[in-house]
Amino acid sequence: MIATLLTIMVVLLLLNFPMMIPLMVAPLIIMFIYFPNLDPMILMAQFATGIEPYVLLAVPLFIFAADIMTTGKTSQRLLDFIGSFIGHIRGGYAVTTAAACTLFGAISGSTQATVVAVGKPMRERLLKIGYKDPSAMALIINSSDVALLVPPSIGMIIYGLVSGTSVGDLFIAGIIPGIIVFLSFAIYSIIYAKVRDIPLAHKASWSERLKTTRKALLPLGFPIIIIGGIYTGLFSPTEAAGMSVLYAFILEVVIYRSVHIKDLPKIARSTGLVTSAVFVLVAGGQAFTWVISFARIPQMIADSVLGTDPSAIYVLLMVTIFFFVGCMFVDPIVVILVLTPIFYPAAMSAGVDPVHLGVVITFQAALGSATPPFGVDIFTASAVFNKPYLEVIRGTPPYIIMMVVISFLLIFFEELSLLLL
């Protein structure tokens, strides 16, 4: 049965069908072949059940807020603010890039939106200072991965939906791992700049710093609203998403006027296209999960891969390997939808905290997003920067190594995930 399921999915992918097709067709065929007495309408009901949860409302709202800010001037103001304080130090603009990606990730929750919003202006600045293009692009791609770790991570929303784990707890748990990634990239950037003798940038005066600070105060309110509101219990993740849209509208349309009312329908259409793709994947993932659970496929795979009584560390190591490899080839949302139901029961039996498991899984989703051969951020950067694939990935190995090291730290020290809870 497992071989049949995998064969169907691989064949459909090789025929260039989008991932949503094998995700929905494969379980349907399995149902007809192995469980012919089951009513097919059960599967149709599962499609609807997959997109019913209230927490999913946060996805289009966060995407809409990110689209408004990407169209406006939020990312530019954040870049100017950070750059005015640290841009003049050795490696300062590389650190600025990592910091800006972290902050914009805390606003958008999307790695690809972060590549677009921060990547375009920062790549030009890095090249102007003296960085080689592969190094600049690698920094942007990998720093953007922090968006999947810090709130409002869309990956964590999907994991919370599949596993039933509190999305608010997952958001808070991702903060420390996100900061660790940023600090690692910042330290590497400083060392790299010294070794390569990257020229120093212009040092901003205090009047320029004051000016950029005033401009950045309101954009800096985004992470405060999202993280502060959820942490204090003022509102749920879904309510935080609604507040982020309202705040983005007030900021970009009313105050800065960088986005016009007439632009909103176009932005909404873009959000609708992305959201529809996500929701179709979630619906298909729910049907896929139901069929494999009914067929006891997770138990079969868990028994063969994990054994009868695996330790928590061993389960997390297997989760890390499977999710990392999966996200190298397939969109992280799909991997989370497909693999979480397989490993989640075994992880709970082994005593793994569900929040900690969610952080480990979303970390691998972030890592896989920027890892060859098919990390989604690589192709986003290739399209945005109009650069060939091989040039985009040339500078990524050091960042991948750092992320792998942090992965092992997360496995062996769950306090890194649970300290703030």
Protein backbone atom coordinates (compact mmCIF):
# COMPACT_ATOMS: atom_id res chain seq x y z
CA MET A 1 0.00 0.00 0.00
CA ILE A 2 2.81 2.41 0.89
CA ALA A 3 4.61 1.57 -2.35
CA THR A 4 1.41 2.19 -4.34
CA LEU A 5 0.86 5.53 -2.65
CA LEU A 6 4.41 6.70 -3.29
CA THR A 7 4.39 5.44 -6.89
CA ILE A 8 1.20 7.35 -7.70
CA MET A 9 2.55 10.58 -6.22
CA VAL A 10 5.95 10.30 -7.92
CA VAL A 11 4.42 9.52 -11.32
CA LEU A 12 2.05 12.48 -11.10
CA LEU A 13 4.90 14.79 -10.08
CA LEU A 14 7.06 13.54 -12.94
CA LEU A 15 4.17 14.33 -15.29
CA ASN A 16 4.46 17.95 -14.07
CA PHE A 17 1.19 18.04 -12.16
CA PRO A 18 1.19 20.66 -9.36
CA MET A 19 1.63 19.19 -5.88
CA MET A 20 -2.04 19.66 -4.98
CA ILE A 21 -3.03 17.04 -7.62
CA PRO A 22 -1.03 14.05 -6.29
CA LEU A 23 -1.92 15.13 -2.75
CA MET A 24 -5.62 14.67 -3.57
CA VAL A 25 -5.55 11.98 -6.28
CA ALA A 26 -3.22 9.51 -4.52
CA PRO A 27 -5.43 8.97 -1.44
CA LEU A 28 -8.51 8.73 -3.67
CA ILE A 29 -6.92 5.93 -5.72
CA ILE A 30 -5.74 4.16 -2.55
CA MET A 31 -9.30 4.33 -1.25
CA PHE A 32 -10.75 2.79 -4.43
CA ILE A 33 -8.13 0.02 -4.61
CA TYR A 34 -7.82 -1.03 -0.97
CA PHE A 35 -11.09 0.13 0.60
CA PRO A 36 -13.72 -0.17 -2.17
CA ASN A 37 -16.58 -0.41 0.34
CA LEU A 38 -15.94 3.06 1.73
CA ASP A 39 -18.18 5.87 0.53
CA PRO A 40 -16.08 8.33 -1.57
CA MET A 41 -18.11 11.17 -0.07
CA ILE A 42 -16.15 10.61 3.13
CA LEU A 43 -13.09 11.92 1.32
CA MET A 44 -15.05 14.89 -0.05
CA ALA A 45 -16.12 15.71 3.50
CA GLN A 46 -12.49 15.63 4.57
CA PHE A 47 -11.62 18.26 1.95
CA ALA A 48 -14.14 20.59 3.57
CA THR A 49 -13.08 19.66 7.09
CA GLY A 50 -9.49 20.61 6.31
CA ILE A 51 -10.29 24.28 5.74
CA GLU A 52 -12.92 24.68 8.49
CA PRO A 53 -10.68 25.53 11.48
CA TYR A 54 -10.96 29.12 12.67
CA VAL A 55 -7.17 29.46 12.99
CA LEU A 56 -6.82 29.26 9.18
CA LEU A 57 -8.35 32.74 8.92
CA ALA A 58 -4.95 34.02 10.07
CA VAL A 59 -3.27 32.82 6.85
CA PRO A 60 -4.98 35.14 4.30
CA LEU A 61 -4.93 38.02 6.78
CA PHE A 62 -1.19 37.79 7.41
CA ILE A 63 -0.55 37.37 3.68
CA PHE A 64 -2.72 40.42 2.91
CA ALA A 65 -0.89 42.52 5.51
CA ALA A 66 2.47 41.41 4.08
CA ASP A 67 1.34 42.25 0.53
CA ILE A 68 0.27 45.74 1.60
CA MET A 69 3.62 46.34 3.32
CA THR A 70 5.61 44.92 0.41
CA THR A 71 3.82 47.32 -1.94
CA GLY A 72 4.43 50.19 0.48
CA LYS A 73 7.53 51.53 2.23
CA THR A 74 7.68 49.46 5.42
CA SER A 75 10.71 47.36 4.44
CA GLN A 76 12.60 50.42 3.17
CA ARG A 77 12.07 52.26 6.45
CA LEU A 78 13.28 49.28 8.46
CA LEU A 79 16.38 48.97 6.27
CA ASP A 80 17.22 52.65 6.62
CA PHE A 81 16.74 52.50 10.39
CA ILE A 82 18.99 49.49 10.99
CA GLY A 83 21.58 50.59 8.43
CA SER A 84 21.96 54.04 9.99
CA PHE A 85 23.15 52.49 13.27
CA ILE A 86 25.29 49.54 12.16
CA GLY A 87 25.84 50.01 8.42
CA HIS A 88 29.23 51.66 8.93
CA ILE A 89 30.84 48.82 10.90
CA ARG A 90 32.74 46.03 9.16
CA GLY A 91 30.04 43.73 7.78
CA GLY A 92 27.39 46.19 8.96
CA TYR A 93 25.19 46.07 5.89
CA ALA A 94 25.24 42.27 5.88
CA VAL A 95 24.13 42.35 9.53
CA THR A 96 21.52 44.94 8.52
CA THR A 97 20.22 42.50 5.90
CA ALA A 98 19.91 39.67 8.44
CA ALA A 99 18.24 41.99 10.96
CA ALA A 100 15.83 43.41 8.39
CA CYS A 101 14.85 39.91 7.25
CA THR A 102 14.21 38.95 10.88
CA LEU A 103 12.05 42.02 11.49
CA PHE A 104 10.13 41.70 8.24
CA GLY A 105 9.68 37.99 8.94
CA ALA A 106 8.10 39.01 12.25
CA ILE A 107 5.66 41.08 10.21
CA SER A 108 4.89 38.85 7.21
CA GLY A 109 5.42 35.23 8.31
CA SER A 110 6.52 34.37 4.77
CA THR A 111 10.05 33.60 3.58
CA GLN A 112 9.22 34.42 -0.03
CA ALA A 113 7.64 37.77 0.85
CA THR A 114 10.77 38.58 2.85
CA VAL A 115 13.04 37.74 -0.12
CA VAL A 116 11.05 40.14 -2.28
CA ALA A 117 10.62 42.98 0.23
CA VAL A 118 14.13 43.02 1.71
CA GLY A 119 16.12 41.34 -1.04
CA LYS A 120 15.64 43.89 -3.80
CA PRO A 121 16.92 47.01 -1.94
CA MET A 122 19.56 45.22 0.16
CA ARG A 123 21.16 43.37 -2.73
CA GLU A 124 21.84 46.68 -4.46
CA ARG A 125 23.41 48.11 -1.30
CA LEU A 126 25.56 45.04 -0.69
CA LEU A 127 26.85 45.03 -4.27
CA LYS A 128 27.60 48.74 -4.08
CA ILE A 129 29.70 48.27 -0.95
CA GLY A 130 31.77 45.46 -2.46
CA TYR A 131 30.06 42.11 -1.88
CA LYS A 132 30.03 39.50 -4.63
CA ASP A 133 26.56 38.74 -5.95
CA PRO A 134 26.46 35.05 -4.86
CA SER A 135 27.37 36.06 -1.28
CA ALA A 136 24.73 38.79 -1.22
CA MET A 137 22.00 36.53 -2.58
CA ALA A 138 22.90 33.66 -0.22
CA LEU A 139 22.68 35.98 2.77
CA ILE A 140 19.27 37.27 1.68
CA ILE A 141 17.84 33.83 0.94
CA ASN A 142 18.94 32.25 4.21
CA SER A 143 18.17 35.25 6.41
CA SER A 144 14.65 35.22 5.00
CA ASP A 145 14.18 31.75 6.47
CA VAL A 146 13.83 33.33 9.90
CA ALA A 147 10.31 34.30 8.78
CA LEU A 148 9.25 30.66 9.29
CA LEU A 149 10.59 30.64 12.86
CA VAL A 150 9.34 33.90 14.36
CA PRO A 151 5.66 34.86 14.63
CA PRO A 152 3.51 35.03 12.55
CA SER A 153 5.05 31.97 10.87
CA ILE A 154 2.65 30.45 8.34
CA GLY A 155 4.48 27.13 8.74
CA MET A 156 3.65 27.09 12.46
CA ILE A 157 0.00 27.87 11.71
CA ILE A 158 -0.17 24.83 9.41
CA TYR A 159 1.61 22.59 11.95
CA GLY A 160 -0.74 23.79 14.70
CA LEU A 161 -3.71 23.00 12.47
CA VAL A 162 -2.51 19.47 11.67
CA SER A 163 -1.38 18.56 15.20
CA GLY A 164 -3.88 20.50 17.31
CA THR A 165 -1.06 22.38 19.07
CA SER A 166 -1.63 25.94 20.28
CA VAL A 167 -0.52 28.33 17.54
CA GLY A 168 0.07 31.05 20.13
CA ASP A 169 2.51 28.80 22.03
CA LEU A 170 4.26 27.89 18.78
CA PHE A 171 4.68 31.57 17.90
CA ILE A 172 6.30 32.32 21.24
CA ALA A 173 8.48 29.18 21.11
CA GLY A 174 9.96 30.21 17.77
CA ILE A 175 11.36 33.53 19.01
CA ILE A 176 14.57 32.24 20.63
CA PRO A 177 15.52 29.91 17.71
CA GLY A 178 14.90 32.81 15.33
CA ILE A 179 17.17 35.09 17.35
CA ILE A 180 19.87 32.39 17.46
CA VAL A 181 19.78 32.12 13.66
CA PHE A 182 20.03 35.90 13.29
CA LEU A 183 22.97 36.14 15.71
CA SER A 184 24.79 33.28 13.95
CA PHE A 185 24.39 34.96 10.58
CA ALA A 186 25.43 38.34 12.04
CA ILE A 187 28.64 36.94 13.57
CA TYR A 188 29.48 35.13 10.34
CA SER A 189 28.85 38.33 8.35
CA ILE A 190 31.27 40.32 10.51
CA ILE A 191 33.97 37.65 10.23
CA TYR A 192 33.40 37.31 6.47
CA ALA A 193 33.70 41.08 5.98
CA LYS A 194 36.98 41.19 7.89
CA VAL A 195 38.47 38.21 6.06
CA ARG A 196 37.40 39.54 2.64
CA ASP A 197 38.24 43.13 3.58
CA ILE A 198 34.85 44.48 2.58
CA PRO A 199 35.02 48.31 2.50
CA LEU A 200 33.29 50.32 5.20
CA ALA A 201 30.08 52.13 4.35
CA HIS A 202 29.22 55.74 5.14
CA LYS A 203 28.70 56.41 8.87
CA ALA A 204 25.37 58.12 9.48
CA SER A 205 25.27 61.21 11.66
CA TRP A 206 23.09 61.31 14.76
CA SER A 207 20.64 63.60 13.01
CA GLU A 208 20.31 61.01 10.20
CA ARG A 209 19.84 58.25 12.77
CA LEU A 210 17.16 60.27 14.53
CA LYS A 211 15.40 60.81 11.22
CA THR A 212 15.43 57.10 10.29
CA THR A 213 14.32 56.19 13.83
CA ARG A 214 11.28 58.46 13.57
CA LYS A 215 10.39 56.91 10.22
CA ALA A 216 10.78 53.36 11.56
CA LEU A 217 8.84 53.75 14.82
CA LEU A 218 5.47 52.89 13.34
CA PRO A 219 6.69 49.89 11.25
CA LEU A 220 8.36 48.54 14.40
CA GLY A 221 4.90 48.41 15.92
CA PHE A 222 4.03 45.34 13.84
CA PRO A 223 6.03 42.76 15.82
CA ILE A 224 5.02 44.47 19.06
CA ILE A 225 1.36 44.07 18.18
CA ILE A 226 1.71 40.47 17.01
CA ILE A 227 4.11 39.11 19.65
CA GLY A 228 3.06 41.36 22.52
CA GLY A 229 -0.64 40.85 21.93
CA ILE A 230 -0.37 37.06 21.77
CA TYR A 231 2.12 36.78 24.67
CA THR A 232 -0.04 38.89 27.00
CA GLY A 233 -3.20 37.09 25.95
CA LEU A 234 -4.74 40.31 24.63
CA PHE A 235 -5.80 38.52 21.45
CA SER A 236 -5.48 35.20 19.61
CA PRO A 237 -3.21 34.61 16.60
CA THR A 238 -6.20 35.04 14.28
CA GLU A 239 -7.15 38.34 15.95
CA ALA A 240 -3.49 39.38 15.70
CA ALA A 241 -3.69 38.73 11.96
CA GLY A 242 -6.73 40.99 11.70
CA MET A 243 -4.95 43.69 13.66
CA SER A 244 -1.92 43.42 11.37
CA VAL A 245 -4.11 44.09 8.31
CA LEU A 246 -5.71 47.09 10.00
CA TYR A 247 -2.32 48.40 11.10
CA ALA A 248 -0.84 47.90 7.61
CA PHE A 249 -3.79 49.74 6.08
CA ILE A 250 -3.51 52.68 8.47
CA LEU A 251 0.26 52.86 8.02
CA GLU A 252 0.60 52.52 4.25
CA VAL A 253 -2.70 54.00 3.05
CA VAL A 254 -3.61 56.65 5.62
CA ILE A 255 -0.30 57.82 7.14
CA TYR A 256 2.44 57.21 4.55
CA ARG A 257 0.10 57.20 1.53
CA SER A 258 2.53 54.91 -0.27
CA VAL A 259 -0.40 52.63 -1.17
CA HIS A 260 -3.55 54.07 -2.72
CA ILE A 261 -7.08 52.80 -2.20
CA LYS A 262 -7.23 51.91 -5.88
CA ASP A 263 -4.23 49.59 -5.36
CA LEU A 264 -6.02 47.45 -2.76
CA PRO A 265 -8.11 45.34 -5.20
CA LYS A 266 -4.94 44.35 -7.06
CA ILE A 267 -3.18 43.54 -3.78
CA ALA A 268 -6.23 41.56 -2.62
CA ARG A 269 -6.23 39.54 -5.85
CA SER A 270 -2.59 38.65 -5.28
CA THR A 271 -3.42 37.61 -1.73
CA GLY A 272 -6.37 35.58 -2.98
CA LEU A 273 -4.24 33.64 -5.44
CA VAL A 274 -1.68 32.70 -2.80
CA THR A 275 -4.36 31.91 -0.21
CA SER A 276 -6.32 29.70 -2.60
CA ALA A 277 -3.19 27.66 -3.32
CA VAL A 278 -2.52 27.27 0.42
CA PHE A 279 -6.12 26.30 1.19
CA VAL A 280 -6.27 23.72 -1.62
CA LEU A 281 -3.09 22.18 -0.21
CA VAL A 282 -4.56 22.18 3.31
CA ALA A 283 -7.80 20.57 2.08
CA GLY A 284 -5.86 17.93 0.16
CA GLY A 285 -3.58 17.41 3.15
CA GLN A 286 -6.57 16.71 5.41
CA ALA A 287 -7.93 14.08 2.99
CA PHE A 288 -4.45 12.58 2.62
CA THR A 289 -4.05 12.46 6.41
CA TRP A 290 -7.43 10.76 6.89
CA VAL A 291 -6.73 8.05 4.32
CA ILE A 292 -3.23 7.21 5.56
CA SER A 293 -4.50 7.19 9.16
CA PHE A 294 -7.39 4.89 8.23
CA ALA A 295 -4.94 2.61 6.45
CA ARG A 296 -2.57 2.74 9.46
CA ILE A 297 0.29 3.85 7.21
CA PRO A 298 1.79 6.15 9.90
CA GLN A 299 2.05 3.20 12.26
CA MET A 300 3.70 1.06 9.56
CA ILE A 301 6.25 3.73 8.71
CA ALA A 302 6.88 4.55 12.36
CA ASP A 303 7.45 0.87 13.19
CA SER A 304 9.87 0.41 10.29
CA VAL A 305 11.78 3.67 10.75
CA LEU A 306 11.52 4.29 14.49
CA GLY A 307 11.20 0.79 15.91
CA THR A 308 8.95 -0.24 18.78
CA ASP A 309 10.20 1.96 21.61
CA PRO A 310 12.25 4.89 20.26
CA SER A 311 13.75 7.55 22.50
CA ALA A 312 12.70 11.17 22.20
CA ILE A 313 16.11 12.13 20.78
CA TYR A 314 15.96 9.39 18.14
CA VAL A 315 12.46 10.46 17.07
CA LEU A 316 13.59 14.08 16.74
CA LEU A 317 16.62 13.02 14.71
CA MET A 318 14.39 11.07 12.31
CA VAL A 319 11.96 14.01 12.12
CA THR A 320 14.87 16.32 11.31
CA ILE A 321 16.18 14.08 8.52
CA PHE A 322 12.80 13.37 6.90
CA PHE A 323 11.54 16.96 7.03
CA PHE A 324 14.86 18.45 5.89
CA VAL A 325 15.08 16.14 2.88
CA GLY A 326 11.39 16.60 2.09
CA CYS A 327 11.60 20.40 2.14
CA MET A 328 14.60 20.28 -0.20
CA PHE A 329 12.28 18.93 -2.90
CA VAL A 330 8.74 20.04 -2.05
CA ASP A 331 7.02 23.16 -0.70
CA PRO A 332 7.33 23.22 3.14
CA ILE A 333 3.55 23.47 3.62
CA VAL A 334 3.06 20.21 1.74
CA VAL A 335 5.80 18.46 3.74
CA ILE A 336 4.28 19.61 7.03
CA LEU A 337 0.83 18.41 5.93
CA VAL A 338 2.08 15.00 4.78
CA LEU A 339 4.75 14.07 7.32
CA THR A 340 3.40 15.54 10.57
CA PRO A 341 0.59 12.94 10.92
CA ILE A 342 3.17 10.19 10.38
CA PHE A 343 5.65 11.26 13.05
CA TYR A 344 3.42 13.11 15.53
CA PRO A 345 1.94 10.01 17.28
CA ALA A 346 5.37 8.41 17.70
CA ALA A 347 6.81 11.68 19.03
CA MET A 348 4.02 11.97 21.62
CA SER A 349 4.55 8.34 22.67
CA ALA A 350 8.26 9.07 23.13
CA GLY A 351 7.47 12.05 25.38
CA VAL A 352 8.37 14.86 22.98
CA ASP A 353 6.67 18.15 23.80
CA PRO A 354 4.30 19.01 20.89
CA VAL A 355 5.45 22.64 20.88
CA HIS A 356 9.10 21.61 20.77
CA LEU A 357 8.30 19.18 17.95
CA GLY A 358 6.62 22.02 16.05
CA VAL A 359 9.71 24.21 16.38
CA VAL A 360 11.98 21.39 15.15
CA ILE A 361 9.67 20.74 12.19
CA THR A 362 9.31 24.39 11.16
CA PHE A 363 13.07 24.84 11.53
CA GLN A 364 13.62 22.08 8.99
CA ALA A 365 11.00 23.70 6.75
CA ALA A 366 12.98 26.94 6.97
CA LEU A 367 16.27 25.19 6.27
CA GLY A 368 14.86 23.19 3.36
CA SER A 369 13.35 26.34 1.83
CA ALA A 370 16.85 27.63 1.04
CA THR A 371 18.59 24.32 0.35
CA PRO A 372 19.29 22.92 -3.14
CA PRO A 373 18.06 21.35 -5.26
CA PHE A 374 14.50 22.70 -5.06
CA GLY A 375 14.27 25.05 -2.05
CA VAL A 376 11.41 27.44 -2.83
CA ASP A 377 13.36 30.55 -1.79
CA ILE A 378 16.10 29.73 -4.30
CA PHE A 379 13.66 29.95 -7.20
CA THR A 380 12.03 33.05 -5.72
CA ALA A 381 15.44 34.75 -5.58
CA SER A 382 16.31 33.57 -9.08
CA ALA A 383 13.11 35.18 -10.40
CA VAL A 384 13.38 38.38 -8.33
CA PHE A 385 17.06 38.99 -9.11
CA ASN A 386 16.93 37.53 -12.62
CA LYS A 387 19.96 35.34 -11.94
CA PRO A 388 20.71 31.73 -12.98
CA TYR A 389 20.13 28.93 -10.50
CA LEU A 390 23.80 27.98 -10.04
CA GLU A 391 24.82 31.54 -9.24
CA VAL A 392 22.03 31.86 -6.67
CA ILE A 393 23.08 28.75 -4.73
CA ARG A 394 26.86 29.26 -4.94
CA GLY A 395 27.16 31.10 -1.63
CA THR A 396 24.67 29.05 0.42
CA PRO A 397 26.87 26.27 1.98
CA PRO A 398 28.13 28.27 5.03
CA TYR A 399 24.57 29.23 5.98
CA ILE A 400 23.30 25.69 5.53
CA ILE A 401 26.08 24.42 7.81
CA MET A 402 25.15 26.97 10.50
CA MET A 403 21.48 26.00 10.27
CA VAL A 404 22.34 22.29 10.57
CA VAL A 405 24.38 22.98 13.72
CA ILE A 406 21.47 24.95 15.22
CA SER A 407 19.15 22.05 14.30
CA PHE A 408 21.16 19.73 16.52
CA LEU A 409 21.13 22.28 19.34
CA LEU A 410 17.33 22.37 19.14
CA ILE A 411 17.13 18.58 19.26
CA PHE A 412 19.28 18.20 22.37
CA PHE A 413 18.19 21.35 24.23
CA GLU A 414 14.42 21.69 24.16
CA GLU A 415 14.72 24.65 26.56
CA LEU A 416 15.65 26.73 23.52
CA SER A 417 12.08 26.26 22.35
CA LEU A 418 10.19 26.22 25.64
CA LEU A 419 12.02 28.85 27.71
CA LEU A 420 9.52 31.65 27.05
CA LEU A 421 6.39 29.54 27.64
